[in-house]
């Protein structure tokens, strides 16, 4: 991702989490019917949550009071 700091460190953590998750999935007995489709649906839900969060964050940035910003810039003249 653009602007991401400590990329190697984050990739290392992601790899360890992925390995732990893979180990958990492979050694757990799945008594849930249609386990994999349900798991994929949860991934989609997580992406939707992330998209909603990003949308709210962008709204917060757009709703910033422009009078305050313009007043600050004019005061620098």
PDB file of N, CA and C in Angstrom:
ATOM      1  N   UNK A   1       0.836  -1.181   0.000  1.00  0.00           N
ATOM      2  CA  UNK A   1       0.000   0.000   0.000  1.00  0.00           C
ATOM      3  C   UNK A   1       0.877   1.239   0.000  1.00  0.00           C
ATOM      4  N   UNK A   2       0.447   2.264  -0.676  1.00  0.00           N
ATOM      5  CA  UNK A   2       1.247   3.492  -0.719  1.00  0.00           C
ATOM      6  C   UNK A   2       1.370   4.124   0.668  1.00  0.00           C
ATOM      7  N   UNK A   3       2.562   4.563   0.991  1.00  0.00           N
ATOM      8  CA  UNK A   3       2.792   5.241   2.254  1.00  0.00           C
ATOM      9  C   UNK A   3       2.899   4.331   3.465  1.00  0.00           C
ATOM     10  N   UNK A   4       2.928   3.043   3.248  1.00  0.00           N
ATOM     11  CA  UNK A   4       3.006   2.090   4.352  1.00  0.00           C
ATOM     12  C   UNK A   4       4.431   2.048   4.891  1.00  0.00           C
ATOM     13  N   UNK A   5       4.564   2.197   6.190  1.00  0.00           N
ATOM     14  CA  UNK A   5       5.882   2.150   6.821  1.00  0.00           C
ATOM     15  C   UNK A   5       6.137   0.743   7.355  1.00  0.00           C
ATOM     16  N   UNK A   6       7.384   0.369   7.474  1.00  0.00           N
ATOM     17  CA  UNK A   6       7.788  -0.936   8.035  1.00  0.00           C
ATOM     18  C   UNK A   6       7.167  -2.100   7.262  1.00  0.00           C
ATOM     19  N   UNK A   7       7.290  -2.094   5.959  1.00  0.00           N
ATOM     20  CA  UNK A   7       6.668  -3.108   5.104  1.00  0.00           C
ATOM     21  C   UNK A   7       7.158  -4.506   5.459  1.00  0.00           C
ATOM     22  N   UNK A   8       8.457  -4.664   5.643  1.00  0.00           N
ATOM     23  CA  UNK A   8       9.006  -5.988   5.935  1.00  0.00           C
ATOM     24  C   UNK A   8       8.461  -6.528   7.255  1.00  0.00           C
ATOM     25  N   UNK A   9       8.358  -5.670   8.235  1.00  0.00           N
ATOM     26  CA  UNK A   9       7.855  -6.088   9.545  1.00  0.00           C
ATOM     27  C   UNK A   9       6.388  -6.519   9.444  1.00  0.00           C
ATOM     28  N   UNK A  10       5.595  -5.762   8.715  1.00  0.00           N
ATOM     29  CA  UNK A  10       4.176  -6.093   8.542  1.00  0.00           C
ATOM     30  C   UNK A  10       4.022  -7.400   7.782  1.00  0.00           C
ATOM     31  N   UNK A  11       4.820  -7.592   6.726  1.00  0.00           N
ATOM     32  CA  UNK A  11       4.759  -8.848   5.968  1.00  0.00           C
ATOM     33  C   UNK A  11       5.143 -10.034   6.847  1.00  0.00           C
ATOM     34  N   UNK A  12       6.103  -9.830   7.728  1.00  0.00           N
ATOM     35  CA  UNK A  12       6.516 -10.902   8.645  1.00  0.00           C
ATOM     36  C   UNK A  12       5.354 -11.286   9.565  1.00  0.00           C
ATOM     37  N   UNK A  13       4.674 -10.286  10.125  1.00  0.00           N
ATOM     38  CA  UNK A  13       3.513 -10.557  10.978  1.00  0.00           C
ATOM     39  C   UNK A  13       2.395 -11.229  10.194  1.00  0.00           C
ATOM     40  N   UNK A  14       2.141 -10.760   8.984  1.00  0.00           N
ATOM     41  CA  UNK A  14       1.091 -11.362   8.161  1.00  0.00           C
ATOM     42  C   UNK A  14       1.400 -12.825   7.874  1.00  0.00           C
ATOM     43  N   UNK A  15       2.655 -13.119   7.569  1.00  0.00           N
ATOM     44  CA  UNK A  15       3.042 -14.508   7.300  1.00  0.00           C
ATOM     45  C   UNK A  15       2.836 -15.393   8.529  1.00  0.00           C
ATOM     46  N   UNK A  16       3.195 -14.872   9.699  1.00  0.00           N
ATOM     47  CA  UNK A  16       3.018 -15.689  10.909  1.00  0.00           C
ATOM     48  C   UNK A  16       1.538 -15.891  11.222  1.00  0.00           C
ATOM     49  N   UNK A  17       0.708 -14.875  11.011  1.00  0.00           N
ATOM     50  CA  UNK A  17      -0.736 -15.029  11.220  1.00  0.00           C
ATOM     51  C   UNK A  17      -1.330 -16.005  10.218  1.00  0.00           C
ATOM     52  N   UNK A  18      -0.893 -15.920   8.977  1.00  0.00           N
ATOM     53  CA  UNK A  18      -1.392 -16.823   7.947  1.00  0.00           C
ATOM     54  C   UNK A  18      -1.007 -18.265   8.261  1.00  0.00           C
ATOM     55  N   UNK A  19       0.210 -18.475   8.704  1.00  0.00           N
ATOM     56  CA  UNK A  19       0.666 -19.816   9.068  1.00  0.00           C
ATOM     57  C   UNK A  19      -0.133 -20.365  10.255  1.00  0.00           C
ATOM     58  N   UNK A  20      -0.371 -19.530  11.255  1.00  0.00           N
ATOM     59  CA  UNK A  20      -1.165 -19.962  12.414  1.00  0.00           C
ATOM     60  C   UNK A  20      -2.595 -20.292  11.996  1.00  0.00           C
ATOM     61  N   UNK A  21      -3.173 -19.475  11.127  1.00  0.00           N
ATOM     62  CA  UNK A  21      -4.534 -19.730  10.653  1.00  0.00           C
ATOM     63  C   UNK A  21      -4.597 -21.021   9.841  1.00  0.00           C
ATOM     64  N   UNK A  22      -3.615 -21.223   8.979  1.00  0.00           N
ATOM     65  CA  UNK A  22      -3.566 -22.446   8.175  1.00  0.00           C
ATOM     66  C   UNK A  22      -3.448 -23.676   9.081  1.00  0.00           C
ATOM     67  N   UNK A  23      -2.605 -23.587  10.091  1.00  0.00           N
ATOM     68  CA  UNK A  23      -2.450 -24.689  11.045  1.00  0.00           C
ATOM     69  C   UNK A  23      -3.769 -24.966  11.762  1.00  0.00           C
ATOM     70  N   UNK A  24      -4.429 -23.920  12.195  1.00  0.00           N
ATOM     71  CA  UNK A  24      -5.709 -24.056  12.894  1.00  0.00           C
ATOM     72  C   UNK A  24      -6.755 -24.710  11.999  1.00  0.00           C
ATOM     73  N   UNK A  25      -6.845 -24.273  10.762  1.00  0.00           N
ATOM     74  CA  UNK A  25      -7.841 -24.807   9.829  1.00  0.00           C
ATOM     75  C   UNK A  25      -7.558 -26.272   9.513  1.00  0.00           C
ATOM     76  N   UNK A  26      -6.295 -26.610   9.295  1.00  0.00           N
ATOM     77  CA  UNK A  26      -5.952 -27.977   8.910  1.00  0.00           C
ATOM     78  C   UNK A  26      -6.142 -28.989  10.039  1.00  0.00           C
ATOM     79  N   UNK A  27      -5.984 -28.566  11.276  1.00  0.00           N
ATOM     80  CA  UNK A  27      -6.044 -29.515  12.382  1.00  0.00           C
ATOM     81  C   UNK A  27      -7.341 -29.452  13.182  1.00  0.00           C
ATOM     82  N   UNK A  28      -8.212 -28.558  12.828  1.00  0.00           N
ATOM     83  CA  UNK A  28      -9.507 -28.448  13.506  1.00  0.00           C
ATOM     84  C   UNK A  28     -10.523 -29.304  12.763  1.00  0.00           C
ATOM     85  N   UNK A  29     -11.339 -29.996  13.502  1.00  0.00           N
ATOM     86  CA  UNK A  29     -12.401 -30.779  12.864  1.00  0.00           C
ATOM     87  C   UNK A  29     -13.562 -29.843  12.568  1.00  0.00           C
ATOM     88  N   UNK A  30     -13.978 -29.845  11.338  1.00  0.00           N
ATOM     89  CA  UNK A  30     -15.030 -28.930  10.903  1.00  0.00           C
ATOM     90  C   UNK A  30     -16.382 -29.613  11.008  1.00  0.00           C
ATOM     91  N   UNK A  31     -17.139 -29.233  12.021  1.00  0.00           N
ATOM     92  CA  UNK A  31     -18.481 -29.773  12.190  1.00  0.00           C
ATOM     93  C   UNK A  31     -19.521 -28.832  11.588  1.00  0.00           C
ATOM     94  N   UNK A  32     -19.054 -27.761  11.008  1.00  0.00           N
ATOM     95  CA  UNK A  32     -19.954 -26.790  10.397  1.00  0.00           C
ATOM     96  C   UNK A  32     -20.167 -27.191   8.942  1.00  0.00           C
ATOM     97  N   UNK A  33     -21.436 -27.288   8.550  1.00  0.00           N
ATOM     98  CA  UNK A  33     -21.703 -27.619   7.149  1.00  0.00           C
ATOM     99  C   UNK A  33     -21.321 -26.429   6.282  1.00  0.00           C
ATOM    100  N   UNK A  34     -20.789 -26.723   5.137  1.00  0.00           N
ATOM    101  CA  UNK A  34     -20.364 -25.693   4.168  1.00  0.00           C
ATOM    102  C   UNK A  34     -19.368 -24.721   4.804  1.00  0.00           C
ATOM    103  N   UNK A  35     -18.347 -25.262   5.441  1.00  0.00           N
ATOM    104  CA  UNK A  35     -17.373 -24.439   6.170  1.00  0.00           C
ATOM    105  C   UNK A  35     -16.667 -23.439   5.259  1.00  0.00           C
ATOM    106  N   UNK A  36     -16.116 -23.894   4.137  1.00  0.00           N
ATOM    107  CA  UNK A  36     -15.328 -23.014   3.273  1.00  0.00           C
ATOM    108  C   UNK A  36     -16.159 -21.912   2.634  1.00  0.00           C
ATOM    109  N   UNK A  37     -17.347 -22.201   2.115  1.00  0.00           N
ATOM    110  CA  UNK A  37     -18.152 -21.086   1.587  1.00  0.00           C
ATOM    111  C   UNK A  37     -18.493 -20.047   2.659  1.00  0.00           C
ATOM    112  N   UNK A  38     -18.780 -20.503   3.876  1.00  0.00           N
ATOM    113  CA  UNK A  38     -19.085 -19.566   4.954  1.00  0.00           C
ATOM    114  C   UNK A  38     -17.860 -18.733   5.318  1.00  0.00           C
ATOM    115  N   UNK A  39     -16.693 -19.370   5.295  1.00  0.00           N
ATOM    116  CA  UNK A  39     -15.464 -18.640   5.585  1.00  0.00           C
ATOM    117  C   UNK A  39     -15.217 -17.564   4.530  1.00  0.00           C
ATOM    118  N   UNK A  40     -15.421 -17.907   3.270  1.00  0.00           N
ATOM    119  CA  UNK A  40     -15.249 -16.919   2.203  1.00  0.00           C
ATOM    120  C   UNK A  40     -16.250 -15.774   2.332  1.00  0.00           C
ATOM    121  N   UNK A  41     -17.453 -16.079   2.766  1.00  0.00           N
ATOM    122  CA  UNK A  41     -18.440 -15.023   2.977  1.00  0.00           C
ATOM    123  C   UNK A  41     -17.993 -14.076   4.087  1.00  0.00           C
ATOM    124  N   UNK A  42     -17.335 -14.601   5.097  1.00  0.00           N
ATOM    125  CA  UNK A  42     -16.828 -13.745   6.177  1.00  0.00           C
ATOM    126  C   UNK A  42     -15.729 -12.823   5.666  1.00  0.00           C
ATOM    127  N   UNK A  43     -14.902 -13.322   4.754  1.00  0.00           N
ATOM    128  CA  UNK A  43     -13.864 -12.476   4.163  1.00  0.00           C
ATOM    129  C   UNK A  43     -14.516 -11.320   3.414  1.00  0.00           C
ATOM    130  N   UNK A  44     -15.584 -11.620   2.686  1.00  0.00           N
ATOM    131  CA  UNK A  44     -16.318 -10.574   1.979  1.00  0.00           C
ATOM    132  C   UNK A  44     -16.893  -9.569   2.970  1.00  0.00           C
ATOM    133  N   UNK A  45     -17.430 -10.061   4.085  1.00  0.00           N
ATOM    134  CA  UNK A  45     -17.957  -9.163   5.119  1.00  0.00           C
ATOM    135  C   UNK A  45     -16.858  -8.253   5.665  1.00  0.00           C
ATOM    136  N   UNK A  46     -15.678  -8.807   5.885  1.00  0.00           N
ATOM    137  CA  UNK A  46     -14.568  -7.999   6.388  1.00  0.00           C
ATOM    138  C   UNK A  46     -14.164  -6.925   5.387  1.00  0.00           C
ATOM    139  N   UNK A  47     -14.171  -7.266   4.111  1.00  0.00           N
ATOM    140  CA  UNK A  47     -13.856  -6.263   3.087  1.00  0.00           C
ATOM    141  C   UNK A  47     -14.897  -5.156   3.077  1.00  0.00           C
ATOM    142  N   UNK A  48     -16.163  -5.525   3.247  1.00  0.00           N
ATOM    143  CA  UNK A  48     -17.236  -4.533   3.278  1.00  0.00           C
ATOM    144  C   UNK A  48     -17.070  -3.594   4.470  1.00  0.00           C
ATOM    145  N   UNK A  49     -16.713  -4.158   5.615  1.00  0.00           N
ATOM    146  CA  UNK A  49     -16.478  -3.333   6.801  1.00  0.00           C
ATOM    147  C   UNK A  49     -15.332  -2.358   6.540  1.00  0.00           C
ATOM    148  N   UNK A  50     -14.268  -2.848   5.920  1.00  0.00           N
ATOM    149  CA  UNK A  50     -13.136  -1.982   5.592  1.00  0.00           C
ATOM    150  C   UNK A  50     -13.521  -0.875   4.630  1.00  0.00           C
ATOM    151  N   UNK A  51     -14.338  -1.197   3.631  1.00  0.00           N
ATOM    152  CA  UNK A  51     -14.784  -0.195   2.661  1.00  0.00           C
ATOM    153  C   UNK A  51     -15.666   0.852   3.334  1.00  0.00           C
ATOM    154  N   UNK A  52     -16.550   0.421   4.227  1.00  0.00           N
ATOM    155  CA  UNK A  52     -17.412   1.368   4.950  1.00  0.00           C
ATOM    156  C   UNK A  52     -16.576   2.283   5.838  1.00  0.00           C
ATOM    157  N   UNK A  53     -15.573   1.714   6.475  1.00  0.00           N
ATOM    158  CA  UNK A  53     -14.697   2.514   7.333  1.00  0.00           C
ATOM    159  C   UNK A  53     -13.966   3.558   6.496  1.00  0.00           C
ATOM    160  N   UNK A  54     -13.450   3.154   5.349  1.00  0.00           N
ATOM    161  CA  UNK A  54     -12.739   4.092   4.482  1.00  0.00           C
ATOM    162  C   UNK A  54     -13.669   5.198   4.007  1.00  0.00           C
ATOM    163  N   UNK A  55     -14.907   4.840   3.669  1.00  0.00           N
ATOM    164  CA  UNK A  55     -15.879   5.834   3.224  1.00  0.00           C
ATOM    165  C   UNK A  55     -16.170   6.848   4.328  1.00  0.00           C
ATOM    166  N   UNK A  56     -16.344   6.367   5.545  1.00  0.00           N
ATOM    167  CA  UNK A  56     -16.601   7.285   6.664  1.00  0.00           C
ATOM    168  C   UNK A  56     -15.407   8.188   6.913  1.00  0.00           C
ATOM    169  N   UNK A  57     -14.220   7.641   6.800  1.00  0.00           N
ATOM    170  CA  UNK A  57     -13.015   8.439   7.006  1.00  0.00           C
ATOM    171  C   UNK A  57     -12.925   9.542   5.965  1.00  0.00           C
ATOM    172  N   UNK A  58     -13.218   9.213   4.701  1.00  0.00           N
ATOM    173  CA  UNK A  58     -13.177  10.225   3.649  1.00  0.00           C
ATOM    174  C   UNK A  58     -14.244  11.285   3.874  1.00  0.00           C
ATOM    175  N   UNK A  59     -15.418  10.892   4.355  1.00  0.00           N
ATOM    176  CA  UNK A  59     -16.464  11.867   4.676  1.00  0.00           C
ATOM    177  C   UNK A  59     -15.987  12.820   5.766  1.00  0.00           C
ATOM    178  N   UNK A  60     -15.289  12.282   6.746  1.00  0.00           N
ATOM    179  CA  UNK A  60     -14.784  13.124   7.826  1.00  0.00           C
ATOM    180  C   UNK A  60     -13.806  14.150   7.281  1.00  0.00           C
ATOM    181  N   UNK A  61     -12.974  13.750   6.343  1.00  0.00           N
ATOM    182  CA  UNK A  61     -12.011  14.679   5.769  1.00  0.00           C
ATOM    183  C   UNK A  61     -12.711  15.742   4.936  1.00  0.00           C
ATOM    184  N   UNK A  62     -13.753  15.362   4.191  1.00  0.00           N
ATOM    185  CA  UNK A  62     -14.468  16.295   3.325  1.00  0.00           C
ATOM    186  C   UNK A  62     -15.269  17.290   4.153  1.00  0.00           C
ATOM    187  N   UNK A  63     -15.803  16.858   5.286  1.00  0.00           N
ATOM    188  CA  UNK A  63     -16.639  17.716   6.108  1.00  0.00           C
ATOM    189  C   UNK A  63     -15.833  18.661   6.999  1.00  0.00           C
ATOM    190  N   UNK A  64     -14.548  18.735   6.797  1.00  0.00           N
ATOM    191  CA  UNK A  64     -13.703  19.640   7.566  1.00  0.00           C
ATOM    192  C   UNK A  64     -14.145  21.076   7.278  1.00  0.00           C
ATOM    193  N   UNK A  65     -14.290  21.918   8.288  1.00  0.00           N
ATOM    194  CA  UNK A  65     -14.753  23.293   8.053  1.00  0.00           C
ATOM    195  C   UNK A  65     -13.752  24.080   7.222  1.00  0.00           C
ATOM    196  N   UNK A  66     -14.180  24.510   6.044  1.00  0.00           N
ATOM    197  CA  UNK A  66     -13.280  25.216   5.128  1.00  0.00           C
ATOM    198  C   UNK A  66     -13.000  26.632   5.594  1.00  0.00           C
ATOM    199  N   UNK A  67     -13.920  27.259   6.335  1.00  0.00           N
ATOM    200  CA  UNK A  67     -13.683  28.618   6.820  1.00  0.00           C
ATOM    201  C   UNK A  67     -12.465  28.663   7.729  1.00  0.00           C
ATOM    202  N   UNK A  68     -12.320  27.651   8.564  1.00  0.00           N
ATOM    203  CA  UNK A  68     -11.176  27.587   9.461  1.00  0.00           C
ATOM    204  C   UNK A  68      -9.884  27.458   8.668  1.00  0.00           C
ATOM    205  N   UNK A  69      -9.903  26.599   7.664  1.00  0.00           N
ATOM    206  CA  UNK A  69      -8.709  26.374   6.846  1.00  0.00           C
ATOM    207  C   UNK A  69      -8.364  27.632   6.072  1.00  0.00           C
ATOM    208  N   UNK A  70      -9.351  28.261   5.446  1.00  0.00           N
ATOM    209  CA  UNK A  70      -9.100  29.481   4.678  1.00  0.00           C
ATOM    210  C   UNK A  70      -8.632  30.610   5.586  1.00  0.00           C
ATOM    211  N   UNK A  71      -9.192  30.706   6.784  1.00  0.00           N
ATOM    212  CA  UNK A  71      -8.762  31.736   7.728  1.00  0.00           C
ATOM    213  C   UNK A  71      -7.320  31.542   8.140  1.00  0.00           C
ATOM    214  N   UNK A  72      -6.913  30.320   8.308  1.00  0.00           N
ATOM    215  CA  UNK A  72      -5.529  30.035   8.683  1.00  0.00           C
ATOM    216  C   UNK A  72      -4.577  30.413   7.570  1.00  0.00           C
ATOM    217  N   UNK A  73      -4.974  30.126   6.325  1.00  0.00           N
ATOM    218  CA  UNK A  73      -4.115  30.441   5.178  1.00  0.00           C
ATOM    219  C   UNK A  73      -4.039  31.943   4.984  1.00  0.00           C
ATOM    220  N   UNK A  74      -5.162  32.642   5.134  1.00  0.00           N
ATOM    221  CA  UNK A  74      -5.170  34.099   4.961  1.00  0.00           C
ATOM    222  C   UNK A  74      -4.343  34.784   6.049  1.00  0.00           C
ATOM    223  N   UNK A  75      -4.310  34.207   7.222  1.00  0.00           N
ATOM    224  CA  UNK A  75      -3.537  34.788   8.313  1.00  0.00           C
ATOM    225  C   UNK A  75      -2.043  34.699   8.079  1.00  0.00           C
ATOM    226  N   UNK A  76      -1.619  33.845   7.139  1.00  0.00           N
ATOM    227  CA  UNK A  76      -0.192  33.691   6.847  1.00  0.00           C
ATOM    228  C   UNK A  76       0.326  34.762   5.908  1.00  0.00           C
ATOM    229  N   UNK A  77      -0.587  35.493   5.250  1.00  0.00           N
ATOM    230  CA  UNK A  77      -0.156  36.519   4.277  1.00  0.00           C
ATOM    231  C   UNK A  77       0.584  37.646   4.922  1.00  0.00           C
TER     232      UNK A  77
END
